[in-house]
Amino acid sequence: MAETAVLFALGEVFQFLKDETNLLSGLHKDFTDIKDELESIQVFLKDADRRAADEADTNEGIRTWVKNMREVSFRIEDVIDEYLRLIHRTDPP
């Protein structure tokens, strides 16, 4: 009887660990994808800033879009920073 309970508990623990491993590996890929997207946005913003400096007559719509892209990038970075802070937080003993 106790053996059955232990086997059940081991199965539950194993499934939990398996699920957590799958989540973490998927999360790593998601963060890699986000990092790649942020790098693309960064290149775009540098190019847009350069063009804006070269051309005094920049389209207002483009300036607004660039501003929004920059704000979204900052929000994404804030979310990543908060996530990293939470997963690296150590609870007091």
Protein backbone atom coordinates (compact mmCIF):
# COMPACT_ATOMS: atom_id res chain seq x y z
CA MET A 1 0.00 0.00 0.00
CA ALA A 2 2.74 2.48 0.93
CA GLU A 3 4.67 1.36 -2.14
CA THR A 4 1.72 2.30 -4.35
CA ALA A 5 1.53 5.74 -2.77
CA VAL A 6 5.27 6.27 -3.27
CA LEU A 7 5.07 5.13 -6.90
CA PHE A 8 2.15 7.49 -7.48
CA ALA A 9 4.03 10.38 -5.86
CA LEU A 10 7.14 9.61 -7.92
CA GLY A 11 5.06 9.59 -11.08
CA GLU A 12 3.54 12.95 -10.18
CA VAL A 13 6.94 14.45 -9.36
CA PHE A 14 8.43 13.06 -12.58
CA GLN A 15 5.56 14.51 -14.64
CA PHE A 16 5.91 17.87 -12.90
CA LEU A 17 9.65 17.98 -13.59
CA LYS A 18 9.09 16.94 -17.20
CA ASP A 19 6.48 19.69 -17.66
CA GLU A 20 8.75 22.30 -16.07
CA THR A 21 11.66 21.24 -18.29
CA ASN A 22 9.48 21.57 -21.39
CA LEU A 23 8.29 25.01 -20.27
CA LEU A 24 11.81 26.22 -19.59
CA SER A 25 13.19 24.95 -22.89
CA GLY A 26 10.30 26.61 -24.73
CA LEU A 27 10.86 29.78 -22.75
CA HIS A 28 14.53 29.83 -23.75
CA LYS A 29 13.52 29.68 -27.42
CA ASP A 30 10.97 32.45 -26.87
CA PHE A 31 13.62 34.67 -25.28
CA THR A 32 16.01 33.94 -28.14
CA ASP A 33 13.29 34.94 -30.61
CA ILE A 34 12.54 38.12 -28.65
CA LYS A 35 16.25 38.98 -28.54
CA ASP A 36 16.48 38.55 -32.31
CA GLU A 37 13.44 40.78 -32.81
CA LEU A 38 14.88 43.46 -30.53
CA GLU A 39 18.14 43.40 -32.49
CA SER A 40 16.16 43.90 -35.72
CA ILE A 41 14.24 46.78 -34.16
CA GLN A 42 17.51 48.31 -32.95
CA VAL A 43 18.99 48.21 -36.46
CA PHE A 44 15.80 49.74 -37.87
CA LEU A 45 15.79 52.53 -35.28
CA LYS A 46 19.46 53.36 -35.91
CA ASP A 47 18.75 53.58 -39.63
CA ALA A 48 15.63 55.69 -39.05
CA ASP A 49 17.56 58.06 -36.75
CA ARG A 50 20.32 58.40 -39.35
CA ARG A 51 17.81 59.13 -42.11
CA ALA A 52 15.98 61.64 -39.93
CA ALA A 53 19.26 63.46 -39.28
CA ASP A 54 20.06 63.47 -43.01
CA GLU A 55 16.60 64.64 -44.07
CA ALA A 56 15.20 67.67 -42.30
CA ASP A 57 11.81 67.01 -43.89
CA THR A 58 10.90 63.62 -42.35
CA ASN A 59 7.34 62.35 -42.62
CA GLU A 60 5.37 62.87 -39.38
CA GLY A 61 3.83 59.40 -39.67
CA ILE A 62 7.26 57.79 -39.85
CA ARG A 63 8.47 59.77 -36.83
CA THR A 64 5.43 58.63 -34.85
CA TRP A 65 5.94 55.02 -35.91
CA VAL A 66 9.63 55.14 -34.93
CA LYS A 67 8.69 56.64 -31.55
CA ASN A 68 6.17 53.84 -30.98
CA MET A 69 8.70 51.16 -31.98
CA ARG A 70 11.18 52.62 -29.52
CA GLU A 71 8.59 52.61 -26.71
CA VAL A 72 7.59 49.01 -27.47
CA SER A 73 11.25 47.99 -27.38
CA PHE A 74 11.67 49.58 -23.96
CA ARG A 75 8.55 47.84 -22.65
CA ILE A 76 9.80 44.47 -23.94
CA GLU A 77 13.14 45.05 -22.23
CA ASP A 78 11.33 45.97 -18.99
CA VAL A 79 9.30 42.75 -19.12
CA ILE A 80 12.43 40.68 -19.71
CA ASP A 81 14.26 42.44 -16.87
CA GLU A 82 11.35 41.84 -14.51
CA TYR A 83 11.16 38.17 -15.50
CA LEU A 84 14.89 37.69 -14.96
CA ARG A 85 14.66 39.45 -11.61
CA LEU A 86 11.86 37.14 -10.52
CA ILE A 87 13.52 33.89 -11.58
CA HIS A 88 16.83 34.85 -9.99
CA ARG A 89 15.24 36.06 -6.77
CA THR A 90 16.25 34.00 -3.80
CA ASP A 91 13.80 33.67 -0.96
CA PRO A 92 15.20 34.19 2.52
CA PRO A 93 15.88 30.93 4.40
